[in-house]
Protein backbone atom coordinates (compact mmCIF):
# COMPACT_ATOMS: atom_id res chain seq x y z
CA UNK A 1 -14.84 20.48 33.47
CA UNK A 2 -14.59 24.34 32.88
CA UNK A 3 -16.39 25.73 29.52
CA UNK A 4 -13.74 25.71 27.38
CA UNK A 5 -14.40 29.33 26.62
CA UNK A 6 -12.84 29.97 30.19
CA UNK A 7 -9.68 27.56 29.81
CA UNK A 8 -6.19 29.18 29.86
CA UNK A 9 -3.83 25.89 30.37
CA UNK A 10 -2.00 27.35 27.48
CA UNK A 11 -1.04 31.08 27.08
CA UNK A 12 -1.24 31.67 23.16
CA UNK A 13 -0.36 35.22 23.27
CA UNK A 14 3.13 36.55 21.44
CA UNK A 15 4.24 34.20 19.28
CA UNK A 16 7.55 35.39 19.62
CA UNK A 17 7.54 34.79 23.27
CA UNK A 18 5.42 31.32 23.31
CA UNK A 19 7.70 29.40 20.83
CA UNK A 20 8.61 26.49 21.07
CA UNK A 21 5.32 25.04 22.26
CA UNK A 22 6.37 21.35 22.78
CA UNK A 23 3.88 18.06 23.33
CA UNK A 24 2.56 17.10 26.85
CA UNK A 25 3.40 13.90 26.24
CA UNK A 26 2.66 12.55 29.56
CA UNK A 27 -0.48 14.03 30.14
CA UNK A 28 -2.91 16.49 27.67
CA UNK A 29 -1.47 15.37 24.58
CA UNK A 30 -3.69 14.05 21.58
CA UNK A 31 -1.51 10.50 22.06
CA UNK A 32 -3.27 10.33 25.18
CA UNK A 33 -6.80 10.04 24.51
CA UNK A 34 -7.27 6.91 23.47
CA UNK A 35 -5.19 5.15 26.63
CA UNK A 36 -7.45 7.62 28.45
CA UNK A 37 -10.90 6.43 26.61
CA UNK A 38 -9.82 2.78 27.26
CA UNK A 39 -8.04 3.25 30.67
CA UNK A 40 -8.56 3.26 34.28
CA UNK A 41 -10.70 7.24 34.85
CA UNK A 42 -8.63 8.05 37.71
CA UNK A 43 -5.78 8.90 35.57
CA UNK A 44 -7.80 10.98 32.83
CA UNK A 45 -8.43 14.01 34.61
CA UNK A 46 -7.51 15.90 31.64
CA UNK A 47 -10.20 14.91 29.59
CA UNK A 48 -13.46 16.65 29.46
CA UNK A 49 -16.28 15.23 31.86
CA UNK A 50 -18.38 13.84 29.33
CA UNK A 51 -15.80 11.54 27.93
CA UNK A 52 -14.58 10.25 31.38
CA UNK A 53 -18.28 9.98 32.42
CA UNK A 54 -19.94 8.14 29.53
CA UNK A 55 -21.20 4.66 28.98
CA UNK A 56 -19.90 5.23 25.55
CA UNK A 57 -17.49 7.42 23.20
CA UNK A 58 -17.62 8.49 19.63
CA UNK A 59 -14.61 10.00 18.43
CA UNK A 60 -14.25 12.39 16.14
CA UNK A 61 -10.99 13.67 14.44
CA UNK A 62 -11.70 16.98 12.62
CA UNK A 63 -8.50 17.25 10.53
CA UNK A 64 -6.60 20.48 10.79
CA UNK A 65 -9.38 22.52 13.08
CA UNK A 66 -6.45 24.18 15.54
CA UNK A 67 -7.45 25.83 18.61
CA UNK A 68 -6.70 29.15 17.86
CA UNK A 69 -8.35 29.00 14.59
CA UNK A 70 -11.40 27.71 16.16
CA UNK A 71 -11.25 30.91 18.89
CA UNK A 72 -11.49 32.93 15.99
CA UNK A 73 -14.48 31.64 14.57
CA UNK A 74 -16.53 31.08 18.16
CA UNK A 75 -19.36 32.98 16.11
CA UNK A 76 -19.35 30.18 13.72
CA UNK A 77 -19.08 26.70 15.53
CA UNK A 78 -21.79 27.60 18.89
CA UNK A 79 -22.62 24.14 19.08
CA UNK A 80 -18.63 23.22 19.60
CA UNK A 81 -18.17 26.76 21.73
CA UNK A 82 -20.71 25.09 24.10
CA UNK A 83 -18.85 22.03 24.75
CA UNK A 84 -16.91 21.13 27.53
CA UNK A 85 -13.05 21.11 27.59
CA UNK A 86 -10.22 22.86 26.26
CA UNK A 87 -6.96 22.86 24.54
CA UNK A 88 -4.55 20.07 24.17
CA UNK A 89 -1.09 19.51 22.83
CA UNK A 90 -0.67 17.30 19.93
CA UNK A 91 2.33 15.71 18.91
CA UNK A 92 5.66 17.05 17.21
CA UNK A 93 5.78 17.15 13.76
CA UNK A 94 2.44 18.95 13.77
CA UNK A 95 1.27 16.77 10.83
CA UNK A 96 -1.36 14.67 9.87
CA UNK A 97 0.72 11.11 9.66
CA UNK A 98 2.42 11.57 12.44
CA UNK A 99 -0.55 12.53 15.02
CA UNK A 100 -3.29 10.61 13.55
CA UNK A 101 -1.20 7.88 14.26
CA UNK A 102 -0.38 8.43 17.53
CA UNK A 103 -3.92 8.96 18.01
CA UNK A 104 -4.86 5.57 16.93
CA UNK A 105 -2.03 3.82 18.77
CA UNK A 106 -1.67 5.71 21.69
CA UNK A 107 2.00 6.26 21.03
CA UNK A 108 4.62 8.83 20.81
CA UNK A 109 5.83 9.48 17.46
CA UNK A 110 9.60 8.20 18.76
CA UNK A 111 7.69 5.04 19.73
CA UNK A 112 5.46 4.42 16.36
CA UNK A 113 7.95 5.56 13.79
CA UNK A 114 6.25 7.73 11.24
CA UNK A 115 7.74 11.15 11.95
CA UNK A 116 6.37 13.24 9.45
CA UNK A 117 5.10 13.57 5.87
CA UNK A 118 7.78 11.96 4.00
CA UNK A 119 9.94 9.93 5.88
CA UNK A 120 13.46 8.84 5.15
CA UNK A 121 13.51 5.08 5.07
CA UNK A 122 15.29 2.47 3.07
CA UNK A 123 17.92 4.76 1.31
CA UNK A 124 14.40 6.69 -0.10
CA UNK A 125 12.19 9.53 1.08
CA UNK A 126 8.43 8.04 1.30
CA UNK A 127 5.38 10.05 1.02
CA UNK A 128 3.63 8.48 4.38
CA UNK A 129 0.31 10.18 3.10
CA UNK A 130 0.45 8.61 -0.02
CA UNK A 131 2.44 6.22 0.80
CA UNK A 132 4.68 6.56 -2.93
CA UNK A 133 8.36 6.57 -2.83
CA UNK A 134 11.12 7.32 -5.98
CA UNK A 135 11.29 10.22 -8.59
CA UNK A 136 8.01 8.50 -9.99
CA UNK A 137 6.62 8.86 -7.00
CA UNK A 138 5.71 5.45 -7.00
CA UNK A 139 3.41 3.02 -5.19
CA UNK A 140 5.08 1.62 -2.34
CA UNK A 141 2.98 -0.70 -0.36
CA UNK A 142 4.69 -3.45 -1.72
CA UNK A 143 8.57 -2.21 -1.30
CA UNK A 144 7.82 -0.17 2.13
CA UNK A 145 5.44 -2.81 3.28
CA UNK A 146 3.00 -0.35 5.83
CA UNK A 147 2.32 -2.89 8.61
CA UNK A 148 6.11 -3.05 8.93
CA UNK A 149 6.77 0.49 9.00
CA UNK A 150 4.46 1.01 11.99
CA UNK A 151 3.35 -2.47 13.68
CA UNK A 152 1.85 -1.06 16.30
CA UNK A 153 -1.76 -2.15 16.62
CA UNK A 154 -5.14 0.46 16.18
CA UNK A 155 -6.77 0.70 20.18
CA UNK A 156 -4.41 -1.30 21.18
CA UNK A 157 -5.79 -4.37 19.08
CA UNK A 158 -9.23 -3.52 19.92
CA UNK A 159 -11.64 -3.82 16.87
CA UNK A 160 -12.90 -0.47 17.06
CA UNK A 161 -15.34 0.54 14.05
CA UNK A 162 -13.62 3.05 11.98
CA UNK A 163 -16.18 6.04 10.05
CA UNK A 164 -13.43 7.67 7.01
CA UNK A 165 -13.55 8.22 3.59
CA UNK A 166 -14.24 5.45 1.33
CA UNK A 167 -11.31 5.97 -1.12
CA UNK A 168 -9.17 6.06 1.99
CA UNK A 169 -9.43 2.30 3.09
CA UNK A 170 -6.90 0.46 2.13
CA UNK A 171 -4.32 2.30 1.09
CA UNK A 172 -0.80 2.44 2.83
CA UNK A 173 -1.23 5.29 5.20
CA UNK A 174 -4.50 3.41 6.48
CA UNK A 175 -3.02 -0.06 6.61
CA UNK A 176 0.04 1.53 8.73
CA UNK A 177 -1.99 3.26 11.32
CA UNK A 178 -5.54 1.68 10.70
CA UNK A 179 -4.44 -1.95 10.50
CA UNK A 180 -7.05 -4.43 12.45
CA UNK A 181 -9.62 -1.88 12.49
CA UNK A 182 -13.73 -2.25 10.94
CA UNK A 183 -13.74 0.26 8.36
CA UNK A 184 -16.79 1.87 7.26
CA UNK A 185 -16.18 4.40 4.41
CA UNK A 186 -18.66 7.40 3.44
CA UNK A 187 -18.51 9.23 0.33
CA UNK A 188 -20.70 12.28 1.71
CA UNK A 189 -20.14 14.15 4.74
CA UNK A 190 -24.20 13.39 5.19
CA UNK A 191 -23.32 10.20 5.53
CA UNK A 192 -21.17 10.28 8.77
CA UNK A 193 -23.64 10.84 11.74
CA UNK A 194 -25.82 7.93 9.55
CA UNK A 195 -23.24 5.96 10.00
CA UNK A 196 -22.11 6.62 13.54
CA UNK A 197 -25.70 6.24 14.75
CA UNK A 198 -26.34 2.71 13.56
CA UNK A 199 -22.63 1.53 15.08
CA UNK A 200 -23.45 3.15 18.47
CA UNK A 201 -27.54 1.47 18.66
CA UNK A 202 -25.60 -1.74 17.77
CA UNK A 203 -23.54 -1.86 20.69
CA UNK A 204 -20.36 -0.58 19.89
CA UNK A 205 -18.68 1.26 22.96
CA UNK A 206 -16.13 3.30 20.97
CA UNK A 207 -16.51 4.73 17.56
CA UNK A 208 -13.81 6.63 15.59
CA UNK A 209 -15.04 8.94 12.92
CA UNK A 210 -12.66 11.35 10.93
CA UNK A 211 -13.15 14.35 9.04
CA UNK A 212 -10.89 16.46 6.64
CA UNK A 213 -13.01 19.31 5.46
CA UNK A 214 -10.80 22.37 7.63
CA UNK A 215 -7.33 21.00 6.33
CA UNK A 216 -8.11 20.61 2.86
CA UNK A 217 -9.95 24.34 2.84
CA UNK A 218 -6.95 25.80 4.53
CA UNK A 219 -4.10 24.35 2.45
CA UNK A 220 -6.17 25.49 -1.08
CA UNK A 221 -7.98 28.96 -0.02
CA UNK A 222 -6.16 29.76 3.43
CA UNK A 223 -8.00 31.39 6.00
CA UNK A 224 -10.77 33.76 4.71
CA UNK A 225 -14.39 32.91 3.72
CA UNK A 226 -14.10 29.51 2.35
CA UNK A 227 -12.68 28.76 6.14
CA UNK A 228 -15.30 30.19 7.64
CA UNK A 229 -17.38 28.17 5.74
CA UNK A 230 -16.02 24.79 6.56
CA UNK A 231 -15.71 25.77 10.00
CA UNK A 232 -20.06 26.18 10.66
CA UNK A 233 -20.27 23.40 8.24
CA UNK A 234 -18.21 21.40 10.88
CA UNK A 235 -20.20 23.24 13.79
CA UNK A 236 -23.35 21.49 11.84
CA UNK A 237 -21.65 18.12 11.73
CA UNK A 238 -20.99 17.66 15.44
CA UNK A 239 -24.79 19.13 15.63
CA UNK A 240 -25.71 15.99 13.75
CA UNK A 241 -23.58 13.59 15.56
CA UNK A 242 -25.04 14.86 18.72
CA UNK A 243 -29.00 14.70 17.91
CA UNK A 244 -27.81 10.82 16.70
CA UNK A 245 -26.44 9.92 19.86
CA UNK A 246 -27.75 8.47 22.89
CA UNK A 247 -27.73 10.96 26.30
CA UNK A 248 -25.37 8.09 27.79
CA UNK A 249 -23.16 8.35 24.59
CA UNK A 250 -20.86 11.00 24.52
CA UNK A 251 -19.35 13.02 21.37
CA UNK A 252 -15.11 13.48 22.08
CA UNK A 253 -14.05 16.56 19.50
CA UNK A 254 -10.08 16.78 18.93
CA UNK A 255 -7.74 17.63 15.58
CA UNK A 256 -3.94 16.64 14.46
CA UNK A 257 -2.98 19.72 14.16
CA UNK A 258 -3.85 23.59 13.73
CA UNK A 259 -2.49 25.80 10.85
CA UNK A 260 -0.89 28.96 9.81
CA UNK A 261 -0.90 31.19 7.08
CA UNK A 262 2.14 31.33 4.87
CA UNK A 263 0.91 32.39 1.05
CA UNK A 264 3.92 33.39 -1.26
CA UNK A 265 6.40 33.37 2.00
CA UNK A 266 8.39 30.60 0.63
CA UNK A 267 12.16 29.89 2.04
CA UNK A 268 14.09 27.90 -0.55
CA UNK A 269 16.58 25.93 0.52
CA UNK A 270 19.86 26.96 -0.52
CA UNK A 271 22.48 25.19 -2.55
CA UNK A 272 25.30 25.45 -0.36
CA UNK A 273 23.05 23.82 2.69
CA UNK A 274 21.92 21.23 -0.18
CA UNK A 275 25.35 20.60 -1.09
CA UNK A 276 26.28 18.98 2.35
CA UNK A 277 22.82 17.06 2.35
CA UNK A 278 22.04 13.69 0.83
CA UNK A 279 18.56 14.08 1.26
CA UNK A 280 16.00 15.87 2.49
CA UNK A 281 12.54 14.56 4.53
CA UNK A 282 9.45 16.31 6.59
CA UNK A 283 7.56 19.07 5.30
CA UNK A 284 8.23 22.38 4.41
CA UNK A 285 6.99 23.43 8.44
CA UNK A 286 9.59 21.03 9.61
CA UNK A 287 12.08 19.92 7.48
CA UNK A 288 14.69 17.15 7.74
CA UNK A 289 18.13 17.61 6.42
CA UNK A 290 20.13 14.37 6.20
CA UNK A 291 23.98 15.20 6.22
CA UNK A 292 26.41 13.50 3.90
CA UNK A 293 28.53 11.41 5.35
CA UNK A 294 31.29 13.28 7.87
CA UNK A 295 29.22 16.30 7.20
CA UNK A 296 26.71 17.00 10.00
CA UNK A 297 28.05 19.53 12.03
CA UNK A 298 29.12 21.84 9.20
CA UNK A 299 25.36 21.22 7.74
CA UNK A 300 23.83 22.62 11.50
CA UNK A 301 26.44 25.22 11.23
CA UNK A 302 25.13 26.73 7.47
CA UNK A 303 21.34 25.48 8.25
CA UNK A 304 21.82 27.72 11.31
CA UNK A 305 23.34 30.93 9.65
CA UNK A 306 20.87 30.59 6.80
CA UNK A 307 17.84 30.10 8.67
CA UNK A 308 18.19 30.40 12.21
CA UNK A 309 16.34 34.23 11.79
CA UNK A 310 13.79 31.93 11.15
CA UNK A 311 12.82 29.93 14.02
CA UNK A 312 14.42 26.80 15.46
CA UNK A 313 17.38 24.97 13.69
CA UNK A 314 18.23 22.21 15.96
CA UNK A 315 20.40 18.75 15.31
CA UNK A 316 19.34 15.49 15.82
CA UNK A 317 20.63 15.32 19.70
CA UNK A 318 19.03 18.37 20.60
CA UNK A 319 15.32 16.89 19.11
CA UNK A 320 16.23 13.39 21.31
CA UNK A 321 17.30 15.26 24.11
CA UNK A 322 13.97 17.60 24.33
CA UNK A 323 11.81 15.04 23.66
CA UNK A 324 10.06 16.79 20.53
CA UNK A 325 9.17 13.19 19.74
CA UNK A 326 8.18 12.19 22.76
CA UNK A 327 10.56 10.62 25.94
CA UNK A 328 11.63 7.32 24.24
CA UNK A 329 13.11 7.42 20.41
CA UNK A 330 13.20 3.65 18.83
CA UNK A 331 16.45 2.81 16.69
CA UNK A 332 13.58 2.86 13.41
CA UNK A 333 12.73 6.17 14.90
CA UNK A 334 16.18 7.30 14.99
CA UNK A 335 17.20 6.03 11.58
CA UNK A 336 14.57 7.72 10.07
CA UNK A 337 15.73 11.17 11.57
CA UNK A 338 17.55 13.74 10.00
CA UNK A 339 20.49 15.32 11.40
CA UNK A 340 19.04 18.63 11.43
CA UNK A 341 15.77 20.22 11.63
CA UNK A 342 14.59 23.73 10.46
CA UNK A 343 11.44 24.59 12.36
CA UNK A 344 10.23 28.11 12.15
CA UNK A 345 8.89 30.33 14.22
CA UNK A 346 7.87 33.19 11.02
CA UNK A 347 5.33 32.35 9.03
CA UNK A 348 7.57 30.28 6.24
CA UNK A 349 7.81 27.27 4.54
CA UNK A 350 10.89 26.04 4.01
CA UNK A 351 10.85 24.17 -0.17
CA UNK A 352 13.29 22.56 -1.98
CA UNK A 353 14.09 23.70 -5.75
CA UNK A 354 12.49 22.13 -8.53
CA UNK A 355 13.60 18.18 -9.24
CA UNK A 356 14.90 19.82 -12.64
CA UNK A 357 17.01 22.00 -11.18
CA UNK A 358 17.94 19.47 -8.21
CA UNK A 359 18.06 15.57 -7.74
CA UNK A 360 18.74 15.13 -4.08
CA UNK A 361 15.92 12.34 -2.96
CA UNK A 362 12.74 13.82 -1.49
CA UNK A 363 11.92 16.69 -4.40
CA UNK A 364 8.28 17.10 -4.37
CA UNK A 365 7.08 17.61 -7.84
CA UNK A 366 4.98 21.05 -8.27
CA UNK A 367 1.96 20.74 -6.38
CA UNK A 368 -1.89 21.19 -8.31
CA UNK A 369 -2.08 24.16 -6.59
CA UNK A 370 0.38 26.88 -4.03
CA UNK A 371 -0.46 25.32 -0.31
CA UNK A 372 -1.52 28.60 1.42
CA UNK A 373 -1.83 27.66 5.24
CA UNK A 374 0.48 25.27 6.29
CA UNK A 375 1.49 23.16 9.33
CA UNK A 376 4.65 20.90 10.89
CA UNK A 377 6.24 23.56 13.16
CA UNK A 378 6.20 24.27 16.99
CA UNK A 379 4.02 27.39 17.43
CA UNK A 380 0.82 27.43 19.16
CA UNK A 381 -1.50 28.05 16.53
CA UNK A 382 -0.08 24.64 15.04
CA UNK A 383 0.44 22.68 18.10
CA UNK A 384 -2.56 23.86 20.10
CA UNK A 385 -5.82 21.73 19.50
CA UNK A 386 -9.51 21.06 21.02
CA UNK A 387 -10.63 18.89 23.35
CA UNK A 388 -14.18 19.33 23.43
CA UNK A 389 -16.89 16.95 24.58
CA UNK A 390 -21.09 16.82 25.13
CA UNK A 391 -23.20 13.98 25.90
CA UNK A 392 -25.73 13.35 22.77
CA UNK A 393 -29.27 14.69 23.03
CA UNK A 394 -31.57 11.95 21.51
CA UNK A 395 -34.78 11.40 22.88
């Protein structure tokens, strides 16, 4: 397969003309990576050759490392830049809870039902990443059972070893998208390659590893020297992993989403729009508005008038008809969708008034720091992610 530097499968020019970028659910999409690895090789031509042909594969998910952001930092990532492959699409919305679940289950969001960061379920808004709900952000693992919200088995029921942060083990989201796997926790980044090598040497044909540095850094510091340093760190980690793997085992690097700089470009949802809404879910760059009974048409009109200039204001039926969540959306997934989706092309974030000013379900308390880079929408910067592979180099 050609070097990723020569791959132009996706045009990433003027954002105004390449929006929206929709997931390629039938081919080169994050939801198809695990099926491609575990299925027949003749249906995986888009997968980089080392990942198709190797006797074993280590699948590394780097959270928040978009294709366009990587292309802007190739000088900082010489190891990644030398790997085979190119960009693929992630899923919609471009957010961690949705994308990681699609990766591990091999299912589109409309099938697995974790359709956002905040999900309207059982009459309340669940923060799926933290698995909390209600005004007090209480632990919801007992009232909203993770394995019932998302029941598809990870890796098609195979007990694949997973190397992830120790503190994530047992969390609601981990239970929802990684139930039944063999968890191997790490506390320091330097331990990832050590854990992976032991698992590969122990005979594991597929190992899944997760690292979230770029996502954390971009959220807090935006695009700049801190993120540049983090991309260099990721490249170092990739080099460590390749050095730990024998030549017959390949490393496949993917991501869940890219990022855009938003900074203080915050659009607070207007009172007239909120008055037509019974709840708000999703996230700042893919905001679901749930209409009050009988008011969905009014809500769509009001939201379009106020926010159409920023990008897409789509009704529920448009989202379903155009397959944003996949070719099929289960009744459970549809019940969690809002009636109107705010999906900006522009680098803005749709936020809610502070809870003291408005008591709609789904209001978020003020974060510890203002998110500078964000994701969730359907721009190429958020939608395109790397799919790069190379053989191990251990002698």
